């Protein structure tokens, strides 16, 4: 047996979350081992960020002294510091389709991401981003072991003992499982739930393709659909009855050196059973039913083998135990819809990192110290499970989706604003203790799911959808009820096109600096007390100071291209997609 020494923390899995945690721990003085069964570069899903996630990159960077993590918080940061293989994400766009019929441009919705300096968001080309984070972890002193397969883990009073297939023995005070669905700790300790607790039921097939036509060239022009941002400049969601498809282009910026596009089809198997053919043939058969989709994929070719999963959902009994913790993507998974995985993972990393650092200092590795992580992981997954399960029901009818979509928008807005509130405190004080608020309600739940008023709204609207699914309520009546519930909740921002949600207003407008400030000021000055009290420490001056610094930095790196900067900061819009037709 080859004994290789003792570590403070061993991390199994060197994906995005595992490598970030390794970098944080090594930077803060913990002897850290990062074990990877395969080798980089490698394919990974989880390619689309959301504003709440990119804000969390900044939180981790500022709280733990890892400036390299802030590079992932915007598209320009990724392009400049990691590479030009990732794509820009200026929006979430949703396009509804009916079999055999032309796409109706008014059956579309959109939620823009932020303009600089807090945006645009990113389509992460994971093999390059994950490789970058691995080198960051190594640069801070983490010990990296690739092509190392841990086949046995034992935990006793003296710590964690791990044996590899090659006969090596690693020891640590604590082990973190970041291994995804094949998580070693979850498998060895029998933590998987069967059946899963998830209500969502979906299967998927996905790959990377070349030759995918930008969808703006496959549908009616922007004056017809009225959305503020080109659909090919963001994450595109094609919606159908009981299913959806993602299209995530990495080639949608003039500086891009990557011609690939991530494509995946997710279906409810109870309504779309597996036809018994291969995933590529099923995909082709499916898109052929929808004229606009057939045009988009007419010339598309997969450049890697298709991956198919008969059931995406899985879950575990616990995320923490005696001297171990499962990172969220090792604990469970719901569905790629709404790009929730990275946000849940980074929130857990934030909670886990400072506890591990304290444990190194005081020698207390007890389960009780880490128990709040288990609570948060389960609560966040329960929220997204409810949100996604409701979405599959809403896909039956565009008007129903158009109503339900607004519930998600509200959660996204207040969730992101909550992190902005905490960052605003940091910009004003440079005091890392402000980040303790990340574990205080309502900031401790993804998409403000810990805010009681929002939780009540979600539950009531989800009950309406369940009634539709049970045949007890019509889709139009349910949509009307959801609009009424949103209106009564007083959570609809008046700066989103009026004091009341209206079906014809299918987007909130671009989130430029001006509109971001207007949104935050509306919360402070005009929102109900249960909202405004959460954002009273927000200081526009501190944010403006940060913006001024960012503008100077961008001017330096762009060679003084003021016109290009003005477009991104002021308009948050462009027609660069036309270059790729």
Protein backbone atom coordinates (compact mmCIF):
# COMPACT_ATOMS: atom_id res chain seq x y z
CA UNK A 1 0.00 0.00 0.00
CA UNK A 2 1.38 3.43 -1.01
CA UNK A 3 0.70 5.93 1.80
CA UNK A 4 0.73 9.43 0.37
CA UNK A 5 0.31 11.67 3.42
CA UNK A 6 -2.51 13.43 5.24
CA UNK A 7 -4.57 16.42 4.12
CA UNK A 8 -7.01 18.74 5.80
CA UNK A 9 -9.64 18.35 3.06
CA UNK A 10 -9.92 15.95 0.12
CA UNK A 11 -12.26 16.87 -2.75
CA UNK A 12 -13.47 14.16 -5.13
CA UNK A 13 -14.18 15.75 -8.51
CA UNK A 14 -12.42 18.64 -10.24
CA UNK A 15 -15.36 20.24 -12.01
CA UNK A 16 -16.27 23.88 -11.57
CA UNK A 17 -17.46 23.68 -7.96
CA UNK A 18 -14.76 21.27 -6.80
CA UNK A 19 -11.94 23.33 -8.25
CA UNK A 20 -13.35 26.60 -6.85
CA UNK A 21 -13.58 25.07 -3.38
CA UNK A 22 -10.03 23.71 -3.68
CA UNK A 23 -8.72 27.14 -4.66
CA UNK A 24 -10.48 28.81 -1.73
CA UNK A 25 -9.25 26.29 0.83
CA UNK A 26 -5.66 26.26 -0.43
CA UNK A 27 -5.60 30.06 -0.56
CA UNK A 28 -6.71 30.16 3.08
CA UNK A 29 -4.09 27.79 4.41
CA UNK A 30 -5.67 24.33 4.25
CA UNK A 31 -3.69 21.43 2.85
CA UNK A 32 -6.07 20.45 0.06
CA UNK A 33 -6.18 17.39 -2.21
CA UNK A 34 -8.23 17.52 -5.41
CA UNK A 35 -8.83 14.07 -6.95
CA UNK A 36 -10.20 13.58 -10.47
CA UNK A 37 -11.16 10.20 -11.92
CA UNK A 38 -10.72 11.36 -15.54
CA UNK A 39 -8.51 14.09 -17.01
CA UNK A 40 -8.95 17.62 -18.32
CA UNK A 41 -10.04 18.86 -20.85
CA UNK A 42 -13.42 17.17 -20.72
CA UNK A 43 -17.06 17.73 -21.63
CA UNK A 44 -19.46 19.00 -18.96
CA UNK A 45 -23.00 20.36 -18.89
CA UNK A 46 -23.99 23.40 -16.84
CA UNK A 47 -22.96 25.86 -19.54
CA UNK A 48 -25.27 28.83 -18.98
CA UNK A 49 -24.92 31.36 -16.16
CA UNK A 50 -27.63 33.56 -14.65
CA UNK A 51 -27.15 36.95 -12.93
CA UNK A 52 -27.54 35.48 -9.45
CA UNK A 53 -24.78 32.99 -10.26
CA UNK A 54 -22.38 35.55 -11.70
CA UNK A 55 -22.90 37.75 -8.63
CA UNK A 56 -21.90 34.76 -6.51
CA UNK A 57 -18.60 34.49 -8.38
CA UNK A 58 -17.89 38.00 -7.10
CA UNK A 59 -18.96 37.11 -3.56
CA UNK A 60 -16.54 34.17 -3.48
CA UNK A 61 -13.75 36.26 -5.02
CA UNK A 62 -14.07 39.11 -2.52
CA UNK A 63 -14.82 37.02 0.56
CA UNK A 64 -11.99 34.52 0.17
CA UNK A 65 -9.33 36.55 -1.66
CA UNK A 66 -9.49 34.75 -5.03
CA UNK A 67 -9.59 37.55 -7.65
CA UNK A 68 -9.47 34.96 -10.45
CA UNK A 69 -13.05 33.95 -9.62
CA UNK A 70 -14.34 37.44 -10.43
CA UNK A 71 -13.16 36.84 -14.00
CA UNK A 72 -16.10 34.44 -14.42
CA UNK A 73 -18.68 37.06 -13.44
CA UNK A 74 -19.06 38.64 -16.90
CA UNK A 75 -18.64 37.64 -20.52
CA UNK A 76 -15.89 40.22 -21.01
CA UNK A 77 -14.00 38.84 -18.02
CA UNK A 78 -14.19 35.28 -19.33
CA UNK A 79 -13.17 36.33 -22.84
CA UNK A 80 -10.24 38.40 -21.60
CA UNK A 81 -8.82 36.09 -18.92
CA UNK A 82 -9.87 32.58 -19.96
CA UNK A 83 -10.42 32.60 -23.70
CA UNK A 84 -12.65 33.46 -26.62
CA UNK A 85 -14.30 30.02 -26.74
CA UNK A 86 -17.25 30.93 -24.50
CA UNK A 87 -20.37 32.70 -25.75
CA UNK A 88 -22.17 35.85 -24.67
CA UNK A 89 -25.53 35.63 -22.91
CA UNK A 90 -27.67 38.76 -23.05
CA UNK A 91 -31.02 37.09 -22.37
CA UNK A 92 -33.16 34.10 -21.58
CA UNK A 93 -35.50 33.71 -24.56
CA UNK A 94 -38.48 31.35 -24.72
CA UNK A 95 -40.15 30.52 -28.05
CA UNK A 96 -43.34 28.47 -28.16
CA UNK A 97 -43.95 25.97 -30.99
CA UNK A 98 -46.93 24.00 -32.26
CA UNK A 99 -46.50 20.92 -34.47
CA UNK A 100 -46.79 21.59 -38.21
CA UNK A 101 -47.50 25.32 -37.77
CA UNK A 102 -45.35 28.42 -38.35
CA UNK A 103 -44.01 29.93 -35.15
CA UNK A 104 -46.19 32.78 -33.89
CA UNK A 105 -43.80 35.68 -33.06
CA UNK A 106 -46.14 36.86 -30.30
CA UNK A 107 -45.79 33.52 -28.53
CA UNK A 108 -42.38 34.45 -27.17
CA UNK A 109 -41.07 35.74 -23.83
CA UNK A 110 -37.72 37.10 -22.76
CA UNK A 111 -35.86 38.00 -19.58
CA UNK A 112 -32.70 40.02 -20.38
CA UNK A 113 -29.53 39.63 -18.34
CA UNK A 114 -27.54 42.61 -17.11
CA UNK A 115 -25.55 45.10 -19.13
CA UNK A 116 -21.98 45.84 -17.98
CA UNK A 117 -20.46 46.17 -15.45
CA UNK A 118 -22.47 43.30 -13.92
CA UNK A 119 -23.04 41.58 -17.26
CA UNK A 120 -23.50 40.26 -19.85
CA UNK A 121 -23.78 36.71 -18.59
CA UNK A 122 -21.86 33.87 -20.18
CA UNK A 123 -22.24 30.64 -22.10
CA UNK A 124 -19.38 28.78 -20.45
CA UNK A 125 -17.37 26.47 -22.69
CA UNK A 126 -16.81 24.18 -19.75
CA UNK A 127 -13.73 22.31 -20.86
CA UNK A 128 -11.80 25.60 -20.99
CA UNK A 129 -13.41 27.17 -17.92
CA UNK A 130 -12.96 24.06 -15.80
CA UNK A 131 -9.34 23.74 -16.93
CA UNK A 132 -8.74 27.37 -15.97
CA UNK A 133 -10.20 26.81 -12.49
CA UNK A 134 -8.08 23.70 -12.04
CA UNK A 135 -4.94 25.75 -12.68
CA UNK A 136 -6.18 28.43 -10.26
CA UNK A 137 -6.55 25.78 -7.55
CA UNK A 138 -3.06 24.48 -8.30
CA UNK A 139 -1.57 27.98 -8.24
CA UNK A 140 -2.78 28.45 -4.66
CA UNK A 141 -1.21 25.17 -3.58
CA UNK A 142 -3.92 22.51 -3.98
CA UNK A 143 -2.48 19.07 -4.77
CA UNK A 144 -4.02 17.80 -8.00
CA UNK A 145 -4.35 14.10 -8.84
CA UNK A 146 -5.96 13.28 -12.21
CA UNK A 147 -6.72 9.78 -13.51
CA UNK A 148 -7.14 8.68 -9.89
CA UNK A 149 -10.07 6.41 -9.10
CA UNK A 150 -11.12 6.24 -5.44
CA UNK A 151 -12.69 2.84 -4.86
CA UNK A 152 -13.03 2.74 -1.08
CA UNK A 153 -13.69 5.33 1.63
CA UNK A 154 -13.74 4.68 5.35
CA UNK A 155 -14.44 7.24 8.06
CA UNK A 156 -13.59 6.77 11.74
CA UNK A 157 -12.63 8.88 14.72
CA UNK A 158 -9.24 9.67 13.23
CA UNK A 159 -10.56 10.99 9.92
CA UNK A 160 -11.16 9.88 6.33
CA UNK A 161 -9.23 7.03 4.70
CA UNK A 162 -9.42 6.65 0.90
CA UNK A 163 -7.98 3.87 -1.23
CA UNK A 164 -7.50 4.17 -5.00
CA UNK A 165 -7.62 1.51 -7.67
CA UNK A 166 -3.83 1.84 -7.97
CA UNK A 167 -3.42 0.95 -4.29
CA UNK A 168 -2.65 4.43 -2.98
CA UNK A 169 -3.96 5.53 0.41
CA UNK A 170 -4.98 9.13 1.05
CA UNK A 171 -6.04 10.44 4.44
CA UNK A 172 -7.85 13.65 5.34
CA UNK A 173 -9.75 15.31 8.15
CA UNK A 174 -12.75 15.84 5.85
CA UNK A 175 -13.92 14.75 2.39
CA UNK A 176 -16.10 16.67 -0.07
CA UNK A 177 -17.83 14.75 -2.85
CA UNK A 178 -18.12 16.83 -6.03
CA UNK A 179 -18.56 13.86 -8.34
CA UNK A 180 -22.01 14.47 -9.84
CA UNK A 181 -24.43 11.60 -10.42
CA UNK A 182 -21.61 9.05 -9.96
CA UNK A 183 -20.54 10.63 -6.66
CA UNK A 184 -18.35 8.07 -4.85
CA UNK A 185 -19.48 8.95 -1.30
CA UNK A 186 -23.15 8.87 -2.28
CA UNK A 187 -22.69 5.47 -3.94
CA UNK A 188 -20.52 3.87 -1.25
CA UNK A 189 -22.59 5.09 1.68
CA UNK A 190 -25.95 4.24 0.08
CA UNK A 191 -27.27 7.81 0.12
CA UNK A 192 -29.27 7.72 -3.11
CA UNK A 193 -33.06 7.85 -2.76
CA UNK A 194 -35.07 5.30 -4.73
CA UNK A 195 -37.47 6.56 -5.83
CA UNK A 196 -36.22 10.11 -5.99
CA UNK A 197 -38.13 12.80 -4.07
CA UNK A 198 -38.28 14.95 -7.23
CA UNK A 199 -41.70 15.65 -8.70
CA UNK A 200 -40.18 16.71 -12.03
CA UNK A 201 -39.91 13.81 -14.47
CA UNK A 202 -37.88 14.39 -17.62
CA UNK A 203 -35.50 12.61 -19.91
CA UNK A 204 -32.90 14.24 -22.15
CA UNK A 205 -30.58 13.92 -25.14
CA UNK A 206 -27.80 16.42 -25.79
CA UNK A 207 -24.58 17.12 -27.68
CA UNK A 208 -22.44 19.87 -29.23
CA UNK A 209 -23.15 20.80 -32.85
CA UNK A 210 -21.80 22.95 -35.65
CA UNK A 211 -23.91 24.54 -38.37
CA UNK A 212 -26.82 25.57 -36.11
CA UNK A 213 -28.46 28.56 -37.79
CA UNK A 214 -29.12 31.54 -35.46
CA UNK A 215 -32.82 31.39 -34.72
CA UNK A 216 -33.30 35.09 -35.52
CA UNK A 217 -32.88 34.04 -39.15
CA UNK A 218 -35.55 31.32 -38.80
CA UNK A 219 -38.43 33.35 -37.41
CA UNK A 220 -40.18 36.66 -37.90
CA UNK A 221 -37.99 39.79 -37.52
CA UNK A 222 -37.75 41.68 -34.22
CA UNK A 223 -40.48 44.26 -35.05
CA UNK A 224 -42.90 41.31 -35.18
CA UNK A 225 -41.96 39.67 -31.87
CA UNK A 226 -41.03 42.89 -30.06
CA UNK A 227 -38.35 41.39 -27.81
CA UNK A 228 -35.52 43.78 -26.88
CA UNK A 229 -32.57 41.44 -27.43
CA UNK A 230 -31.69 39.14 -30.37
CA UNK A 231 -32.57 35.57 -29.49
CA UNK A 232 -29.20 34.27 -30.68
CA UNK A 233 -27.45 36.55 -28.20
CA UNK A 234 -28.66 34.47 -25.26
CA UNK A 235 -29.81 31.08 -24.06
CA UNK A 236 -32.69 30.04 -26.30
CA UNK A 237 -35.42 27.80 -24.94
CA UNK A 238 -37.74 26.21 -27.49
CA UNK A 239 -40.98 25.19 -25.76
CA UNK A 240 -43.50 22.50 -26.75
CA UNK A 241 -46.29 20.64 -25.01
CA UNK A 242 -44.54 18.83 -22.11
CA UNK A 243 -41.01 19.47 -23.35
CA UNK A 244 -38.34 22.02 -24.19
CA UNK A 245 -35.00 22.37 -25.94
CA UNK A 246 -31.93 24.43 -25.10
CA UNK A 247 -29.72 26.12 -27.68
CA UNK A 248 -26.57 27.62 -26.16
CA UNK A 249 -24.27 29.16 -28.80
CA UNK A 250 -20.57 29.64 -28.09
CA UNK A 251 -20.14 31.38 -31.46
CA UNK A 252 -22.38 34.42 -30.97
CA UNK A 253 -19.76 37.13 -30.49
CA UNK A 254 -17.47 38.63 -33.18
CA UNK A 255 -14.36 37.68 -31.17
CA UNK A 256 -15.44 34.04 -30.72
CA UNK A 257 -13.01 31.35 -31.81
CA UNK A 258 -15.48 28.53 -31.13
CA UNK A 259 -17.98 27.41 -33.78
CA UNK A 260 -19.87 25.05 -31.49
CA UNK A 261 -23.38 25.22 -30.09
CA UNK A 262 -24.73 23.20 -27.17
CA UNK A 263 -28.09 21.59 -27.94
CA UNK A 264 -30.31 19.47 -25.72
CA UNK A 265 -33.88 18.18 -25.85
CA UNK A 266 -35.76 17.48 -22.61
CA UNK A 267 -39.12 15.66 -22.60
CA UNK A 268 -41.61 14.37 -20.07
CA UNK A 269 -41.47 10.59 -20.72
CA UNK A 270 -45.07 10.18 -19.55
CA UNK A 271 -46.17 12.20 -22.59
CA UNK A 272 -43.17 11.64 -24.89
CA UNK A 273 -42.08 8.02 -24.29
CA UNK A 274 -38.81 6.82 -25.74
CA UNK A 275 -39.61 5.66 -29.31
CA UNK A 276 -36.87 3.05 -29.21
CA UNK A 277 -34.51 4.73 -31.66
CA UNK A 278 -31.13 6.35 -31.04
CA UNK A 279 -31.02 9.89 -29.59
CA UNK A 280 -29.85 11.52 -32.82
CA UNK A 281 -32.62 9.93 -34.86
CA UNK A 282 -35.21 10.85 -32.23
CA UNK A 283 -33.93 14.43 -32.21
CA UNK A 284 -34.20 14.68 -36.00
CA UNK A 285 -37.68 13.21 -36.01
CA UNK A 286 -38.77 15.62 -33.28
CA UNK A 287 -37.50 18.85 -34.86
CA UNK A 288 -38.98 17.87 -38.24
CA UNK A 289 -42.46 18.42 -36.77
CA UNK A 290 -41.82 22.13 -36.20
CA UNK A 291 -41.08 24.22 -39.31
CA UNK A 292 -38.94 26.89 -37.62
CA UNK A 293 -36.87 24.28 -35.80
CA UNK A 294 -36.38 22.28 -38.97
CA UNK A 295 -34.84 25.40 -40.56
CA UNK A 296 -32.56 26.05 -37.58
CA UNK A 297 -31.12 22.52 -37.59
CA UNK A 298 -31.19 21.83 -41.32
CA UNK A 299 -27.39 22.11 -41.62
CA UNK A 300 -26.47 21.17 -38.05
CA UNK A 301 -24.06 18.31 -37.41
CA UNK A 302 -23.15 16.78 -34.05
CA UNK A 303 -19.39 16.80 -33.39
CA UNK A 304 -19.51 14.49 -30.39
CA UNK A 305 -21.50 11.42 -29.49
CA UNK A 306 -25.02 12.09 -28.29
CA UNK A 307 -25.65 11.59 -24.56
CA UNK A 308 -29.08 10.33 -23.49
CA UNK A 309 -30.64 9.89 -20.05
CA UNK A 310 -33.95 8.14 -19.42
CA UNK A 311 -34.47 10.07 -16.16
CA UNK A 312 -32.53 13.19 -15.24
CA UNK A 313 -33.77 13.50 -11.66
CA UNK A 314 -31.95 11.98 -8.70
CA UNK A 315 -31.63 12.88 -5.02
CA UNK A 316 -29.98 11.75 -1.79
CA UNK A 317 -31.04 11.32 1.82
CA UNK A 318 -28.48 13.79 3.14
CA UNK A 319 -25.89 16.29 1.92
CA UNK A 320 -23.73 16.10 5.07
CA UNK A 321 -22.62 13.41 7.48
CA UNK A 322 -19.74 12.50 9.72
CA UNK A 323 -16.74 14.25 8.10
CA UNK A 324 -18.26 14.42 4.62
CA UNK A 325 -20.34 16.76 2.47
CA UNK A 326 -21.93 16.30 -0.95
CA UNK A 327 -21.71 19.34 -3.24
CA UNK A 328 -25.26 19.99 -4.61
CA UNK A 329 -24.68 18.41 -8.02
CA UNK A 330 -23.52 15.26 -6.19
CA UNK A 331 -26.61 15.36 -3.95
CA UNK A 332 -29.20 15.66 -6.71
CA UNK A 333 -30.41 17.16 -9.96
CA UNK A 334 -33.73 18.49 -11.25
CA UNK A 335 -33.53 19.61 -14.89
CA UNK A 336 -31.39 22.07 -16.92
CA UNK A 337 -34.36 24.46 -17.27
CA UNK A 338 -33.56 27.90 -15.75
CA UNK A 339 -29.84 27.02 -15.40
CA UNK A 340 -30.16 26.49 -11.65
CA UNK A 341 -27.31 24.06 -10.98
CA UNK A 342 -24.38 26.45 -10.83
CA UNK A 343 -26.20 28.90 -8.58
CA UNK A 344 -27.15 26.22 -6.05
CA UNK A 345 -23.59 24.84 -6.14
CA UNK A 346 -21.86 28.20 -5.55
CA UNK A 347 -24.14 29.04 -2.64
CA UNK A 348 -23.23 25.73 -1.00
CA UNK A 349 -19.52 26.28 -1.68
CA UNK A 350 -19.78 29.63 0.09
CA UNK A 351 -21.36 28.01 3.15
CA UNK A 352 -18.96 25.08 3.13
CA UNK A 353 -15.70 26.98 2.62
CA UNK A 354 -15.76 29.17 5.71
CA UNK A 355 -16.88 26.24 7.87
CA UNK A 356 -13.94 24.14 6.67
CA UNK A 357 -11.58 27.04 7.31
CA UNK A 358 -12.91 27.38 10.86
CA UNK A 359 -12.66 23.63 11.38
CA UNK A 360 -9.00 23.75 10.47
CA UNK A 361 -8.53 26.50 13.05
CA UNK A 362 -10.39 24.94 15.98
CA UNK A 363 -10.34 21.22 15.16
CA UNK A 364 -14.14 20.90 15.20
CA UNK A 365 -15.22 18.79 12.19
CA UNK A 366 -18.57 17.83 13.71
CA UNK A 367 -21.64 17.14 11.60
CA UNK A 368 -23.53 19.84 13.53
CA UNK A 369 -21.27 22.56 12.14
CA UNK A 370 -22.13 21.60 8.56
CA UNK A 371 -25.81 20.73 9.08
CA UNK A 372 -27.12 24.11 7.73
CA UNK A 373 -25.71 23.16 4.33
CA UNK A 374 -27.95 20.10 4.23
CA UNK A 375 -30.99 22.26 5.03
CA UNK A 376 -30.17 24.81 2.34
CA UNK A 377 -29.39 22.28 -0.39
CA UNK A 378 -32.66 20.43 0.16
CA UNK A 379 -34.68 23.65 0.31
CA UNK A 380 -33.17 25.03 -2.88
CA UNK A 381 -33.73 21.81 -4.78
CA UNK A 382 -37.31 21.63 -3.52
CA UNK A 383 -37.91 25.14 -4.84
CA UNK A 384 -36.53 24.39 -8.30
CA UNK A 385 -38.32 21.07 -8.45
CA UNK A 386 -41.61 22.89 -7.86
CA UNK A 387 -40.71 25.58 -10.39
CA UNK A 388 -39.65 23.15 -13.13
CA UNK A 389 -42.47 20.66 -12.56
CA UNK A 390 -44.91 23.55 -12.90
CA UNK A 391 -43.18 24.68 -16.07
CA UNK A 392 -43.70 21.33 -17.78
CA UNK A 393 -47.40 21.62 -16.99
CA UNK A 394 -47.50 25.23 -18.25
CA UNK A 395 -45.95 24.14 -21.56
CA UNK A 396 -49.39 22.80 -22.52
CA UNK A 397 -50.45 26.30 -23.55
CA UNK A 398 -48.54 29.51 -24.30
CA UNK A 399 -50.90 31.73 -22.32
CA UNK A 400 -50.39 29.55 -19.27
CA UNK A 401 -46.61 29.64 -19.73
CA UNK A 402 -46.74 33.41 -20.22
CA UNK A 403 -48.32 33.73 -16.77
CA UNK A 404 -46.09 31.18 -14.96
CA UNK A 405 -42.99 32.70 -16.57
CA UNK A 406 -43.62 35.85 -14.53
CA UNK A 407 -43.38 33.97 -11.24
CA UNK A 408 -39.90 32.81 -12.23
CA UNK A 409 -38.98 36.35 -13.34
CA UNK A 410 -39.99 37.76 -9.96
CA UNK A 411 -37.90 35.19 -8.11
CA UNK A 412 -34.93 35.81 -10.39
CA UNK A 413 -35.15 39.57 -9.94
CA UNK A 414 -35.35 39.62 -6.16
CA UNK A 415 -32.83 36.80 -5.81
CA UNK A 416 -30.28 38.67 -7.91
CA UNK A 417 -31.11 41.95 -6.19
CA UNK A 418 -30.44 40.30 -2.84
CA UNK A 419 -26.87 39.48 -3.86
CA UNK A 420 -26.47 43.02 -5.26
CA UNK A 421 -27.57 44.32 -1.85
CA UNK A 422 -24.82 42.28 -0.15
CA UNK A 423 -22.24 43.31 -2.74
CA UNK A 424 -23.30 46.93 -2.25
CA UNK A 425 -22.43 46.62 1.44
CA UNK A 426 -19.03 45.25 0.43
CA UNK A 427 -18.38 48.09 -2.02
CA UNK A 428 -19.22 50.56 0.77
CA UNK A 429 -17.19 48.97 3.57
CA UNK A 430 -14.69 46.39 2.21
CA UNK A 431 -15.70 44.37 5.28
CA UNK A 432 -15.91 40.64 4.54
CA UNK A 433 -18.29 40.15 7.48
CA UNK A 434 -21.08 41.53 5.26
CA UNK A 435 -21.05 38.21 3.42
CA UNK A 436 -22.44 36.49 6.49
CA UNK A 437 -25.81 37.79 5.27
CA UNK A 438 -25.63 35.15 2.53
CA UNK A 439 -26.80 32.68 5.19
CA UNK A 440 -29.57 34.87 6.59
CA UNK A 441 -33.15 34.78 5.32
CA UNK A 442 -34.21 35.74 2.77
CA UNK A 443 -30.76 35.97 1.14
CA UNK A 444 -29.90 32.33 1.94
CA UNK A 445 -32.35 30.85 -0.56
CA UNK A 446 -31.81 30.74 -4.31
CA UNK A 447 -34.14 33.11 -6.18
CA UNK A 448 -35.40 34.55 -2.87
CA UNK A 449 -37.32 31.35 -2.16
CA UNK A 450 -36.80 32.06 1.57
CA UNK A 451 -38.91 35.23 1.37
CA UNK A 452 -42.29 34.17 2.86
CA UNK A 453 -44.35 36.38 0.55
CA UNK A 454 -42.70 34.96 -2.55
CA UNK A 455 -42.94 31.40 -1.24
CA UNK A 456 -46.68 31.91 -0.73
CA UNK A 457 -47.06 33.24 -4.28
CA UNK A 458 -45.15 30.30 -5.72
CA UNK A 459 -47.15 27.74 -3.76
CA UNK A 460 -50.50 29.24 -4.74
CA UNK A 461 -49.62 29.43 -8.45
CA UNK A 462 -48.13 25.92 -8.39
CA UNK A 463 -51.41 24.67 -6.94
CA UNK A 464 -53.25 26.22 -9.89
CA UNK A 465 -50.98 24.33 -12.27
CA UNK A 466 -51.53 21.09 -10.38
CA UNK A 467 -55.26 21.64 -10.80
CA UNK A 468 -54.71 22.02 -14.56
CA UNK A 469 -52.71 18.81 -14.62
CA UNK A 470 -55.49 17.00 -12.75
CA UNK A 471 -58.12 18.25 -15.21
CA UNK A 472 -59.81 20.37 -12.53
CA UNK A 473 -58.99 23.75 -14.05
CA UNK A 474 -58.74 25.07 -17.62
CA UNK A 475 -55.51 26.64 -18.87
CA UNK A 476 -57.03 30.06 -19.46
CA UNK A 477 -58.68 30.18 -16.05
CA UNK A 478 -55.41 29.10 -14.40
CA UNK A 479 -53.48 31.80 -16.29
CA UNK A 480 -55.96 34.42 -15.11
CA UNK A 481 -55.61 33.26 -11.52
CA UNK A 482 -51.81 33.47 -11.70
CA UNK A 483 -51.92 37.06 -13.01
CA UNK A 484 -54.33 37.93 -10.21
CA UNK A 485 -52.12 36.32 -7.57
CA UNK A 486 -49.05 38.19 -8.86
CA UNK A 487 -50.95 41.46 -8.75
CA UNK A 488 -52.18 40.82 -5.21
CA UNK A 489 -48.68 39.89 -4.04
CA UNK A 490 -47.49 43.47 -4.72
CA UNK A 491 -44.17 42.02 -5.91
CA UNK A 492 -44.50 43.05 -9.55
CA UNK A 493 -42.04 45.94 -10.16
CA UNK A 494 -43.85 48.96 -11.59
CA UNK A 495 -40.80 49.74 -13.75
CA UNK A 496 -41.53 46.57 -15.76
CA UNK A 497 -44.11 48.24 -17.96
CA UNK A 498 -46.79 49.20 -15.46
CA UNK A 499 -48.06 48.59 -11.96
CA UNK A 500 -49.90 45.42 -12.97
CA UNK A 501 -48.67 42.39 -14.95
CA UNK A 502 -50.19 42.29 -18.42
CA UNK A 503 -50.03 39.35 -20.85
CA UNK A 504 -48.98 41.57 -23.76
CA UNK A 505 -45.87 42.78 -21.89
CA UNK A 506 -43.71 39.71 -22.45
CA UNK A 507 -40.40 41.10 -21.15
CA UNK A 508 -39.28 43.62 -18.48
CA UNK A 509 -36.98 45.61 -20.79
CA UNK A 510 -33.17 45.57 -20.91
CA UNK A 511 -31.27 45.79 -17.62
CA UNK A 512 -28.92 48.63 -18.49
CA UNK A 513 -27.21 50.66 -15.75
CA UNK A 514 -30.04 53.20 -15.82
CA UNK A 515 -32.76 50.56 -15.56
CA UNK A 516 -30.86 48.60 -12.91
CA UNK A 517 -30.67 51.72 -10.77
CA UNK A 518 -34.36 52.42 -11.37
CA UNK A 519 -35.25 48.89 -10.32
CA UNK A 520 -33.22 49.13 -7.11
CA UNK A 521 -34.59 52.57 -6.29
CA UNK A 522 -38.15 51.31 -6.88
CA UNK A 523 -37.57 48.58 -4.31
CA UNK A 524 -36.22 51.07 -1.79
CA UNK A 525 -38.80 53.81 -2.27
CA UNK A 526 -42.00 52.34 -3.73
CA UNK A 527 -42.12 48.63 -2.96
CA UNK A 528 -44.13 47.27 -0.01
CA UNK A 529 -42.44 47.31 3.40
CA UNK A 530 -41.72 43.55 3.35
CA UNK A 531 -39.53 44.17 0.28
CA UNK A 532 -38.06 47.62 0.86
CA UNK A 533 -36.70 46.74 4.31
CA UNK A 534 -34.40 44.16 2.73
CA UNK A 535 -32.60 46.67 0.52
CA UNK A 536 -32.24 49.74 2.72
CA UNK A 537 -28.46 49.53 2.94
CA UNK A 538 -28.08 49.69 -0.83
CA UNK A 539 -26.10 52.82 -1.71
CA UNK A 540 -26.26 54.02 -5.33
CA UNK A 541 -23.05 56.00 -4.82
CA UNK A 542 -21.04 52.88 -4.01
CA UNK A 543 -22.40 51.15 -7.11
CA UNK A 544 -21.67 54.17 -9.30
CA UNK A 545 -18.10 54.26 -7.99
CA UNK A 546 -17.69 50.60 -8.95
CA UNK A 547 -19.16 51.31 -12.40
CA UNK A 548 -16.70 54.18 -12.94
CA UNK A 549 -13.78 51.88 -12.14
CA UNK A 550 -15.14 49.25 -14.49
CA UNK A 551 -15.55 51.74 -17.34
CA UNK A 552 -11.91 52.83 -16.95
CA UNK A 553 -10.77 49.21 -16.95
CA UNK A 554 -12.83 48.37 -20.02
CA UNK A 555 -11.47 51.38 -21.90
CA UNK A 556 -7.94 50.24 -21.15
CA UNK A 557 -8.56 46.70 -22.35
CA UNK A 558 -10.62 47.66 -25.40
CA UNK A 559 -8.10 50.14 -26.75
CA UNK A 560 -10.48 53.04 -26.19
CA UNK A 561 -13.34 51.60 -28.26
CA UNK A 562 -15.86 53.99 -26.75
CA UNK A 563 -18.62 53.28 -29.27
CA UNK A 564 -18.48 49.53 -28.53
CA UNK A 565 -18.58 50.20 -24.78
CA UNK A 566 -21.47 52.64 -25.09
CA UNK A 567 -23.51 50.03 -26.93
CA UNK A 568 -23.01 47.47 -24.17
CA UNK A 569 -23.45 49.83 -21.22
CA UNK A 570 -26.30 51.93 -22.53
CA UNK A 571 -28.20 49.71 -24.97
CA UNK A 572 -27.31 46.14 -23.89
CA UNK A 573 -28.15 45.15 -27.44
CA UNK A 574 -26.51 44.34 -30.76
CA UNK A 575 -27.06 42.52 -34.05
CA UNK A 576 -23.81 40.57 -34.06
CA UNK A 577 -25.70 37.34 -34.73
CA UNK A 578 -26.00 38.34 -38.39
CA UNK A 579 -22.30 37.66 -38.84
CA UNK A 580 -22.93 33.96 -38.28
CA UNK A 581 -25.75 33.31 -40.74
